[in-house]
């Protein structure tokens, strides 16, 4: 769709939503969502096996691997994976496991290395994963170094954002992200770099925390002094997209929440609208000229989540202005996040105790239904106990 046509459609949609006073005509009534999905360890195991181990997951950004030989660790979901920019300038992902006795090759979170040397028996690997050196190799009867490279993990990039997939047979990243990527074609993501990272662990299921960022219903109450003055929540429009993704569109009340953030050549709609992009299975970003918060929700267990907020933006010419701006931006993000965090354990307790057995969803909370339906499609309804399944009411209406 041409930019002009997209803009017209988006502005028309938010105006129609603002004028709406009844339940949307033709939109399905959303069934109650079973809260046992947020508590049951066996359902959590199904999510890990069929969703997280088979879906493209955000692992880092190319700006975090600035030089040849740069590396950093991805250590979510119980994994330890090395993201490495090789001396050939290709970014790869490897299991952080020596092929001799399994010791971790890398123990620092990030750095630069010409080779990866195992701290146990000093086996040495190149930045592209080849086994190059073995001390006292003559003591191994049939060792062929070519047969013992580091175990490689599927790794592909989209406009600077690095994704991994633990399934060697997964579809290409471009196919998975395509419906979402189309929504940001004219936003200059390649010019963005990481400015800060905030990580917080909370005692709740990953979906309990994630759901909070997938609707605007709570903003007027929880964020009445931080976000509510910025967004007109009555213009919130949800557009379900294939592969479990979606687009949120909301009219702004003021142009910038965080201060000036002009991006050269950016389409005018980003000054008037906030474009939010929920990314299946566990991500969300709201693109904004002033900078944006790339959020990811990592399961630590069935009852704990790590919320990781990675702040992105363009680099300013003046180093002092750069530092001051992004420090302020980051601190404001912490204020907003703190307003939410205290709620999640209380919600989880209500579900764990059986005081809340089902979640009642409004049409503005429809993405909660949409991504849970997609979870079930990936697991396979036949593999899910009947009391935990989600009725596929939105899949029946929207193309998937």
Protein backbone atom coordinates (compact mmCIF):
# COMPACT_ATOMS: atom_id res chain seq x y z
CA UNK A 1 0.00 0.00 0.00
CA UNK A 2 1.34 3.44 -0.93
CA UNK A 3 2.21 5.74 1.98
CA UNK A 4 -0.52 8.22 1.05
CA UNK A 5 -3.16 5.49 0.93
CA UNK A 6 -1.92 3.97 4.20
CA UNK A 7 -2.06 7.34 5.93
CA UNK A 8 -5.61 7.95 4.74
CA UNK A 9 -6.69 4.51 5.96
CA UNK A 10 -5.03 4.94 9.36
CA UNK A 11 -6.47 8.40 10.01
CA UNK A 12 -9.90 7.24 8.88
CA UNK A 13 -9.73 4.23 11.23
CA UNK A 14 -8.83 6.29 14.31
CA UNK A 15 -11.59 8.83 13.57
CA UNK A 16 -14.17 6.08 13.19
CA UNK A 17 -12.98 4.53 16.46
CA UNK A 18 -13.27 7.91 18.21
CA UNK A 19 -16.87 8.24 17.01
CA UNK A 20 -17.84 4.68 17.98
CA UNK A 21 -20.34 4.41 20.87
CA UNK A 22 -21.37 0.75 20.55
CA UNK A 23 -19.67 -2.62 20.26
CA UNK A 24 -18.10 -2.84 16.77
CA UNK A 25 -20.62 -4.14 14.25
CA UNK A 26 -19.66 -7.53 12.90
CA UNK A 27 -16.81 -8.04 15.37
CA UNK A 28 -17.09 -11.38 17.21
CA UNK A 29 -17.91 -11.50 20.90
CA UNK A 30 -14.69 -12.55 22.59
CA UNK A 31 -14.90 -15.63 24.82
CA UNK A 32 -13.45 -15.57 28.31
CA UNK A 33 -9.77 -16.50 28.42
CA UNK A 34 -8.96 -19.35 30.85
CA UNK A 35 -6.50 -18.12 33.48
CA UNK A 36 -5.17 -21.64 34.00
CA UNK A 37 -3.06 -20.91 30.90
CA UNK A 38 -1.21 -18.41 33.09
CA UNK A 39 -0.61 -20.86 35.98
CA UNK A 40 -0.31 -24.41 34.69
CA UNK A 41 3.31 -25.71 34.48
CA UNK A 42 2.28 -28.28 31.87
CA UNK A 43 0.80 -25.61 29.60
CA UNK A 44 3.98 -23.59 30.09
CA UNK A 45 5.99 -26.61 28.94
CA UNK A 46 3.84 -26.79 25.79
CA UNK A 47 4.56 -23.11 25.11
CA UNK A 48 8.27 -23.68 25.49
CA UNK A 49 8.29 -26.76 23.26
CA UNK A 50 6.01 -25.60 20.44
CA UNK A 51 6.31 -21.80 20.50
CA UNK A 52 9.60 -20.59 21.97
CA UNK A 53 11.74 -23.37 20.53
CA UNK A 54 10.24 -22.97 17.04
CA UNK A 55 9.66 -19.23 16.62
CA UNK A 56 12.00 -16.41 15.60
CA UNK A 57 13.08 -14.55 18.74
CA UNK A 58 14.76 -11.17 19.08
CA UNK A 59 18.30 -11.72 20.39
CA UNK A 60 20.12 -8.41 19.96
CA UNK A 61 21.00 -5.57 17.64
CA UNK A 62 23.82 -5.09 15.18
CA UNK A 63 24.87 -1.88 16.96
CA UNK A 64 25.76 -4.05 19.96
CA UNK A 65 28.31 -5.86 17.76
CA UNK A 66 30.12 -2.80 16.41
CA UNK A 67 33.48 -4.27 15.36
CA UNK A 68 34.87 -7.39 13.74
CA UNK A 69 35.23 -9.97 16.50
CA UNK A 70 32.53 -8.41 18.67
CA UNK A 71 30.42 -10.88 20.62
CA UNK A 72 27.68 -10.84 23.20
CA UNK A 73 25.73 -13.53 25.03
CA UNK A 74 22.06 -14.30 24.69
CA UNK A 75 21.03 -16.00 27.93
CA UNK A 76 17.26 -16.26 27.98
CA UNK A 77 15.03 -19.37 28.13
CA UNK A 78 17.81 -21.28 29.88
CA UNK A 79 20.01 -20.96 26.78
CA UNK A 80 23.54 -19.64 26.46
CA UNK A 81 24.15 -18.52 22.88
CA UNK A 82 27.05 -16.49 21.49
CA UNK A 83 26.17 -13.78 18.99
CA UNK A 84 29.38 -13.18 17.06
CA UNK A 85 30.36 -10.73 14.34
CA UNK A 86 33.05 -12.74 12.59
CA UNK A 87 36.22 -11.38 11.10
CA UNK A 88 34.37 -11.77 7.79
CA UNK A 89 31.72 -9.30 9.10
CA UNK A 90 29.00 -11.95 9.14
CA UNK A 91 26.87 -12.21 12.30
CA UNK A 92 26.34 -15.76 13.49
CA UNK A 93 24.94 -17.47 16.57
CA UNK A 94 26.53 -20.45 18.33
CA UNK A 95 25.74 -22.54 21.36
CA UNK A 96 28.12 -21.46 24.12
CA UNK A 97 29.41 -25.00 24.46
CA UNK A 98 32.85 -26.45 23.82
CA UNK A 99 32.64 -29.59 21.67
CA UNK A 100 35.12 -31.38 23.97
CA UNK A 101 33.53 -31.56 27.43
CA UNK A 102 30.78 -28.93 27.20
CA UNK A 103 32.25 -26.04 29.16
CA UNK A 104 31.08 -22.52 28.33
CA UNK A 105 33.52 -20.79 26.01
CA UNK A 106 32.38 -17.27 26.86
CA UNK A 107 31.77 -16.10 30.42
CA UNK A 108 31.65 -12.33 29.86
CA UNK A 109 28.40 -10.75 28.71
CA UNK A 110 30.06 -8.99 25.78
CA UNK A 111 33.46 -8.17 24.36
CA UNK A 112 35.78 -8.62 21.41
CA UNK A 113 37.80 -11.71 20.57
CA UNK A 114 39.92 -12.97 17.70
CA UNK A 115 39.21 -16.52 18.82
CA UNK A 116 37.08 -18.29 21.42
CA UNK A 117 39.29 -20.30 23.79
CA UNK A 118 37.68 -22.83 26.12
CA UNK A 119 38.71 -22.07 29.73
CA UNK A 120 38.65 -25.80 30.58
CA UNK A 121 41.09 -27.49 28.15
CA UNK A 122 41.92 -24.57 25.83
CA UNK A 123 40.29 -25.82 22.66
CA UNK A 124 40.25 -22.83 20.30
CA UNK A 125 37.56 -21.79 17.82
CA UNK A 126 37.50 -19.09 15.14
CA UNK A 127 34.83 -16.39 15.15
CA UNK A 128 33.01 -18.32 12.42
CA UNK A 129 32.85 -21.39 14.66
CA UNK A 130 35.58 -23.62 13.24
CA UNK A 131 37.65 -25.69 15.65
CA UNK A 132 41.19 -24.46 15.01
CA UNK A 133 43.39 -25.72 17.81
CA UNK A 134 43.46 -28.65 20.24
CA UNK A 135 46.29 -28.93 22.78
CA UNK A 136 48.03 -32.31 22.67
CA UNK A 137 45.93 -33.36 19.71
CA UNK A 138 48.10 -36.47 19.27
CA UNK A 139 46.40 -37.97 22.33
CA UNK A 140 43.07 -38.24 20.47
CA UNK A 141 42.86 -41.33 18.29
CA UNK A 142 40.38 -40.16 15.65
CA UNK A 143 39.79 -36.46 16.18
CA UNK A 144 38.89 -34.55 13.01
CA UNK A 145 38.65 -30.85 13.86
CA UNK A 146 36.46 -30.23 10.83
CA UNK A 147 33.78 -32.44 12.41
CA UNK A 148 33.70 -30.49 15.70
CA UNK A 149 32.72 -26.89 14.92
CA UNK A 150 30.64 -24.90 17.36
CA UNK A 151 26.97 -25.80 17.21
CA UNK A 152 25.36 -23.13 15.07
CA UNK A 153 21.92 -21.63 15.76
CA UNK A 154 19.69 -20.18 13.03
CA UNK A 155 20.44 -16.45 12.96
CA UNK A 156 19.07 -13.81 10.61
CA UNK A 157 18.75 -10.03 10.75
CA UNK A 158 15.98 -7.61 9.85
CA UNK A 159 17.07 -4.01 9.36
CA UNK A 160 19.69 -4.28 12.12
CA UNK A 161 17.63 -6.39 14.54
CA UNK A 162 19.10 -9.86 15.14
CA UNK A 163 16.80 -12.86 15.53
CA UNK A 164 17.53 -16.48 16.36
CA UNK A 165 15.50 -19.65 15.97
CA UNK A 166 16.19 -22.92 17.78
CA UNK A 167 14.42 -24.84 15.02
CA UNK A 168 16.69 -25.61 12.05
CA UNK A 169 13.63 -26.20 9.86
CA UNK A 170 11.87 -22.92 10.64
CA UNK A 171 10.62 -20.65 7.85
CA UNK A 172 12.89 -17.74 6.86
CA UNK A 173 12.77 -14.72 9.16
CA UNK A 174 11.54 -12.56 6.27
CA UNK A 175 8.44 -14.75 5.92
CA UNK A 176 7.71 -14.73 9.64
CA UNK A 177 8.20 -10.97 10.11
CA UNK A 178 6.85 -9.94 6.72
CA UNK A 179 3.36 -8.82 7.81
CA UNK A 180 4.89 -6.77 10.63
CA UNK A 181 7.79 -5.43 8.59
CA UNK A 182 5.36 -4.00 6.05
CA UNK A 183 4.01 -1.64 8.72
CA UNK A 184 7.40 0.06 9.22
CA UNK A 185 8.77 0.29 5.70
CA UNK A 186 9.17 4.08 5.86
CA UNK A 187 10.61 4.28 9.38
CA UNK A 188 14.44 4.54 9.20
CA UNK A 189 15.23 1.63 11.50
CA UNK A 190 18.69 1.19 9.99
CA UNK A 191 19.71 4.53 11.52
CA UNK A 192 18.76 3.44 15.04
CA UNK A 193 21.17 2.12 17.67
CA UNK A 194 20.86 0.85 21.25
CA UNK A 195 20.97 3.64 23.85
CA UNK A 196 20.18 1.73 27.04
CA UNK A 197 18.80 -1.55 28.32
CA UNK A 198 16.56 -1.97 31.35
CA UNK A 199 15.90 -5.45 32.76
CA UNK A 200 13.44 -6.26 35.54
CA UNK A 201 12.30 -9.67 36.83
CA UNK A 202 8.76 -10.00 38.15
CA UNK A 203 7.00 -12.86 39.96
CA UNK A 204 4.31 -13.63 37.39
CA UNK A 205 3.71 -15.63 34.24
CA UNK A 206 5.21 -14.04 31.13
CA UNK A 207 1.75 -13.46 29.62
CA UNK A 208 0.52 -11.67 32.74
CA UNK A 209 3.14 -8.97 32.19
CA UNK A 210 2.99 -9.02 28.39
CA UNK A 211 -0.80 -8.52 28.30
CA UNK A 212 -0.45 -5.20 30.09
CA UNK A 213 1.40 -3.70 27.12
CA UNK A 214 -1.10 -4.99 24.57
CA UNK A 215 -4.07 -2.78 25.42
CA UNK A 216 -4.71 0.86 26.21
CA UNK A 217 -7.68 0.34 28.55
CA UNK A 218 -5.54 0.75 31.69
CA UNK A 219 -3.68 3.89 30.60
CA UNK A 220 -6.19 6.44 31.89
CA UNK A 221 -5.99 4.87 35.37
CA UNK A 222 -2.43 3.60 35.77
CA UNK A 223 -0.62 6.18 33.66
CA UNK A 224 -2.87 9.19 34.10
CA UNK A 225 0.08 11.58 34.56
CA UNK A 226 2.67 9.92 32.29
CA UNK A 227 1.06 8.47 29.15
CA UNK A 228 -2.60 9.55 29.30
CA UNK A 229 -1.78 13.23 28.53
CA UNK A 230 0.04 12.03 25.41
CA UNK A 231 -2.41 9.57 23.81
CA UNK A 232 -6.12 9.67 23.05
CA UNK A 233 -7.08 6.18 24.21
CA UNK A 234 -10.50 6.41 22.56
CA UNK A 235 -8.79 6.28 19.14
CA UNK A 236 -7.00 2.96 19.77
CA UNK A 237 -7.34 0.72 16.69
CA UNK A 238 -6.13 -2.90 16.59
CA UNK A 239 -5.33 -4.53 13.24
CA UNK A 240 -4.59 -8.28 13.55
CA UNK A 241 -1.82 -9.49 11.24
CA UNK A 242 -0.74 -12.97 10.11
CA UNK A 243 1.70 -15.04 12.20
CA UNK A 244 0.25 -13.73 15.47
CA UNK A 245 1.43 -10.13 15.00
CA UNK A 246 -0.68 -6.96 14.97
CA UNK A 247 -0.62 -3.19 14.48
CA UNK A 248 -1.91 -0.67 17.01
CA UNK A 249 -2.74 2.86 15.88
CA UNK A 250 -3.52 5.70 18.31
CA UNK A 251 -3.86 9.44 17.82
CA UNK A 252 -1.47 11.57 19.83
CA UNK A 253 -2.62 14.52 21.92
CA UNK A 254 0.85 16.09 21.77
CA UNK A 255 3.61 15.46 19.27
CA UNK A 256 6.37 14.20 21.57
CA UNK A 257 6.25 12.60 25.00
CA UNK A 258 9.99 12.71 25.62
CA UNK A 259 11.01 16.01 24.04
CA UNK A 260 12.27 16.90 20.60
CA UNK A 261 13.16 14.02 18.37
CA UNK A 262 13.00 15.09 14.76
CA UNK A 263 14.02 12.40 12.25
CA UNK A 264 14.90 13.74 8.83
CA UNK A 265 12.58 12.55 6.08
CA UNK A 266 10.13 10.79 8.39
CA UNK A 267 6.51 10.68 7.26
CA UNK A 268 4.23 13.17 8.97
CA UNK A 269 1.91 10.47 10.32
CA UNK A 270 4.46 9.57 13.01
CA UNK A 271 3.98 13.06 14.45
CA UNK A 272 0.21 12.59 14.73
CA UNK A 273 -0.11 8.87 15.39
CA UNK A 274 1.60 6.29 17.54
CA UNK A 275 2.15 3.08 15.58
CA UNK A 276 2.52 0.10 17.91
CA UNK A 277 3.74 -3.26 16.64
CA UNK A 278 3.15 -6.31 18.86
CA UNK A 279 5.61 -8.98 17.72
CA UNK A 280 4.68 -12.62 18.30
CA UNK A 281 5.37 -14.29 20.62
CA UNK A 282 6.79 -11.87 23.22
CA UNK A 283 7.60 -8.41 21.90
CA UNK A 284 6.20 -4.92 21.49
CA UNK A 285 7.42 -1.59 20.14
CA UNK A 286 5.73 1.77 19.57
CA UNK A 287 7.67 3.62 16.88
CA UNK A 288 8.22 7.29 17.63
CA UNK A 289 10.53 10.01 16.27
CA UNK A 290 11.73 10.87 19.77
CA UNK A 291 13.03 7.31 20.33
CA UNK A 292 11.36 4.02 21.11
CA UNK A 293 11.28 1.23 23.63
CA UNK A 294 11.75 -2.25 22.13
CA UNK A 295 10.21 -4.50 24.78
CA UNK A 296 10.67 -8.23 25.14
CA UNK A 297 9.10 -10.51 27.75
CA UNK A 298 11.20 -13.59 28.55
CA UNK A 299 9.79 -16.52 30.52
CA UNK A 300 12.11 -17.42 33.39
CA UNK A 301 9.74 -20.13 34.60
CA UNK A 302 5.99 -20.62 34.57
CA UNK A 303 5.76 -18.09 37.41
CA UNK A 304 8.49 -15.55 36.61
CA UNK A 305 9.23 -13.18 33.73
CA UNK A 306 12.17 -10.99 32.75
CA UNK A 307 11.00 -7.74 31.15
CA UNK A 308 13.74 -6.31 28.95
CA UNK A 309 13.34 -2.79 27.64
CA UNK A 310 15.88 -1.85 24.96
CA UNK A 311 15.87 1.85 24.09
CA UNK A 312 16.61 2.86 20.50
CA UNK A 313 17.11 6.13 18.71
CA UNK A 314 19.28 8.16 16.40
CA UNK A 315 22.66 9.38 17.61
CA UNK A 316 22.99 13.11 18.16
CA UNK A 317 26.00 15.07 16.92
CA UNK A 318 26.78 16.63 20.31
CA UNK A 319 28.05 13.95 22.76
CA UNK A 320 26.84 15.88 25.81
CA UNK A 321 23.39 16.37 24.29
CA UNK A 322 23.34 12.68 23.33
CA UNK A 323 24.09 11.58 26.90
CA UNK A 324 21.64 14.00 28.52
CA UNK A 325 18.77 13.18 26.17
CA UNK A 326 18.96 9.40 26.44
CA UNK A 327 19.52 9.50 30.19
CA UNK A 328 16.29 11.48 30.54
CA UNK A 329 14.53 9.16 28.13
CA UNK A 330 15.64 6.08 30.05
CA UNK A 331 14.66 7.52 33.43
CA UNK A 332 11.19 8.34 32.15
CA UNK A 333 10.81 4.78 30.89
CA UNK A 334 11.63 3.53 34.39
CA UNK A 335 8.95 5.77 35.88
CA UNK A 336 6.32 4.43 33.46
CA UNK A 337 7.39 0.82 34.01
CA UNK A 338 7.27 1.21 37.79
CA UNK A 339 3.61 2.27 37.53
CA UNK A 340 2.81 -1.15 36.04
CA UNK A 341 5.10 -3.51 37.91
CA UNK A 342 3.28 -3.57 41.23
CA UNK A 343 0.09 -4.79 39.58
CA UNK A 344 1.44 -7.97 37.99
CA UNK A 345 2.10 -10.08 41.12
CA UNK A 346 -1.38 -9.25 42.46
CA UNK A 347 -3.00 -10.29 39.18
CA UNK A 348 -0.96 -13.49 39.19
CA UNK A 349 -1.96 -14.24 42.80
CA UNK A 350 -5.64 -13.93 41.89
CA UNK A 351 -5.17 -16.46 39.10
CA UNK A 352 -3.00 -18.83 41.13
CA UNK A 353 -5.51 -18.87 44.01
CA UNK A 354 -8.45 -19.53 41.70
CA UNK A 355 -10.07 -16.19 42.55
CA UNK A 356 -9.96 -15.26 38.86
CA UNK A 357 -10.69 -18.26 36.66
CA UNK A 358 -11.30 -16.41 33.40
CA UNK A 359 -10.38 -13.07 31.83
CA UNK A 360 -13.20 -11.01 30.35
CA UNK A 361 -11.98 -9.23 27.22
CA UNK A 362 -13.23 -6.03 25.61
CA UNK A 363 -12.81 -5.40 21.89
CA UNK A 364 -9.89 -3.07 22.76
CA UNK A 365 -8.18 -6.06 24.38
CA UNK A 366 -8.61 -8.24 21.30
CA UNK A 367 -4.90 -8.80 20.71
CA UNK A 368 -4.81 -10.89 23.90
CA UNK A 369 -7.26 -13.22 22.21
CA UNK A 370 -5.42 -13.06 18.88
CA UNK A 371 -1.97 -14.07 20.12
CA UNK A 372 -3.38 -16.75 22.45
CA UNK A 373 -5.20 -18.25 19.48
CA UNK A 374 -1.92 -18.34 17.60
CA UNK A 375 -0.19 -20.03 20.52
CA UNK A 376 -2.81 -22.78 20.35
CA UNK A 377 -2.43 -23.13 16.59
CA UNK A 378 1.31 -23.71 17.02
CA UNK A 379 0.89 -26.16 19.88
CA UNK A 380 -1.98 -27.93 18.17
CA UNK A 381 -5.39 -27.95 19.89
CA UNK A 382 -5.23 -31.73 20.11
CA UNK A 383 -2.20 -31.37 22.41
CA UNK A 384 -3.94 -28.97 24.80
CA UNK A 385 -6.32 -30.10 27.56
CA UNK A 386 -9.86 -28.94 26.74
CA UNK A 387 -10.14 -26.60 29.72
CA UNK A 388 -7.03 -24.71 28.58
CA UNK A 389 -7.88 -24.25 24.91
CA UNK A 390 -8.81 -20.91 23.36
CA UNK A 391 -11.72 -20.79 20.95
CA UNK A 392 -10.53 -19.70 17.50
CA UNK A 393 -13.09 -16.92 17.07
CA UNK A 394 -10.74 -14.34 15.54
CA UNK A 395 -9.00 -16.83 13.27
CA UNK A 396 -12.40 -17.57 11.77
CA UNK A 397 -12.80 -13.88 10.89
CA UNK A 398 -9.31 -12.74 9.89
CA UNK A 399 -6.92 -14.23 7.39
CA UNK A 400 -4.00 -16.00 9.11
